[in-house]
Amino acid sequence: MHILSWIILGVAAGWVTGRVLKGNQYGPWVDIIMGIAGALGGGFLIQYSFPERNEVVSTALSAILGAVALTVITASVNGRKRYA
């Protein structure tokens, strides 16, 4: 059940992060896919690093942070500009 919530959070985080990082190098679908990948990575990392703290809130927050981190890192490596 956690995986489904991570995917949903990854879609939202990837889309929002892609909107914040305005650029024309790749589109919203890639942002969403990177958000999902980051969310799954972050969720699994926290869930298996700290098995005694298997809470929905901590894994959800780590999934969001993973999605945002992967999207931002990929954007900065590819040279996308951030407009705030």
Protein backbone atom coordinates (compact mmCIF):
# COMPACT_ATOMS: atom_id res chain seq x y z
CA MET A 1 0.00 0.00 0.00
CA HIS A 2 2.92 2.33 0.64
CA ILE A 3 4.13 1.94 -2.94
CA LEU A 4 0.86 3.23 -4.39
CA SER A 5 1.00 6.32 -2.17
CA TRP A 6 4.64 6.90 -3.16
CA ILE A 7 3.71 6.76 -6.84
CA ILE A 8 0.87 9.25 -6.35
CA LEU A 9 3.11 11.57 -4.33
CA GLY A 10 5.87 11.18 -6.93
CA VAL A 11 3.52 12.20 -9.74
CA ALA A 12 2.48 15.32 -7.85
CA ALA A 13 6.00 16.23 -6.71
CA GLY A 14 7.51 15.64 -10.14
CA TRP A 15 4.88 17.73 -11.88
CA VAL A 16 5.15 20.61 -9.40
CA THR A 17 8.95 20.57 -9.46
CA GLY A 18 8.91 20.54 -13.25
CA ARG A 19 6.65 23.59 -13.24
CA VAL A 20 9.01 25.43 -10.88
CA LEU A 21 12.03 24.58 -13.06
CA LYS A 22 10.88 26.35 -16.18
CA GLY A 23 12.82 25.11 -19.16
CA ASN A 24 12.32 23.57 -22.53
CA GLN A 25 14.71 20.64 -22.44
CA TYR A 26 12.18 17.98 -21.58
CA GLY A 27 8.48 17.92 -20.90
CA PRO A 28 6.09 17.21 -18.07
CA TRP A 29 6.02 13.45 -18.71
CA VAL A 30 9.72 13.13 -17.97
CA ASP A 31 9.29 15.28 -14.86
CA ILE A 32 6.51 12.98 -13.68
CA ILE A 33 8.54 9.84 -14.40
CA MET A 34 11.52 11.28 -12.53
CA GLY A 35 9.21 12.20 -9.66
CA ILE A 36 7.93 8.63 -9.47
CA ALA A 37 11.46 7.22 -9.59
CA GLY A 38 12.65 9.59 -6.88
CA ALA A 39 9.64 8.87 -4.71
CA LEU A 40 10.13 5.12 -4.97
CA GLY A 41 13.84 5.50 -4.25
CA GLY A 42 13.27 7.74 -1.25
CA GLY A 43 10.46 5.63 0.10
CA PHE A 44 12.41 2.39 -0.15
CA LEU A 45 15.52 4.01 1.29
CA ILE A 46 13.76 5.15 4.44
CA GLN A 47 11.61 2.05 4.79
CA TYR A 48 14.54 -0.35 4.63
CA SER A 49 17.07 1.87 6.41
CA PHE A 50 14.84 2.29 9.45
CA PRO A 51 12.52 -0.76 9.53
CA GLU A 52 11.30 0.04 13.06
CA ARG A 53 9.95 3.42 11.87
CA ASN A 54 7.63 2.16 9.18
CA GLU A 55 5.17 5.04 9.42
CA VAL A 56 3.12 6.45 6.61
CA VAL A 57 4.13 10.05 7.33
CA SER A 58 7.90 9.46 7.40
CA THR A 59 7.90 7.34 4.25
CA ALA A 60 5.60 9.81 2.47
CA LEU A 61 7.86 12.74 3.34
CA SER A 62 10.94 10.86 2.20
CA ALA A 63 9.16 9.96 -1.04
CA ILE A 64 8.37 13.62 -1.69
CA LEU A 65 11.93 14.67 -0.88
CA GLY A 66 13.31 11.93 -3.11
CA ALA A 67 11.11 13.01 -6.01
CA VAL A 68 12.02 16.67 -5.68
CA ALA A 69 15.72 15.89 -5.20
CA LEU A 70 15.93 13.66 -8.28
CA THR A 71 14.09 16.17 -10.47
CA VAL A 72 16.21 19.13 -9.26
CA ILE A 73 19.50 17.25 -9.57
CA THR A 74 18.68 16.07 -13.07
CA ALA A 75 17.59 19.55 -14.10
CA SER A 76 20.77 21.14 -12.75
CA VAL A 77 22.97 18.55 -14.47
CA ASN A 78 21.18 19.18 -17.76
CA GLY A 79 21.48 22.96 -17.37
CA ARG A 80 17.83 23.91 -16.87
CA LYS A 81 17.30 27.30 -15.30
CA ARG A 82 15.26 27.89 -12.19
CA TYR A 83 13.01 30.91 -12.06
CA ALA A 84 11.56 31.76 -8.68
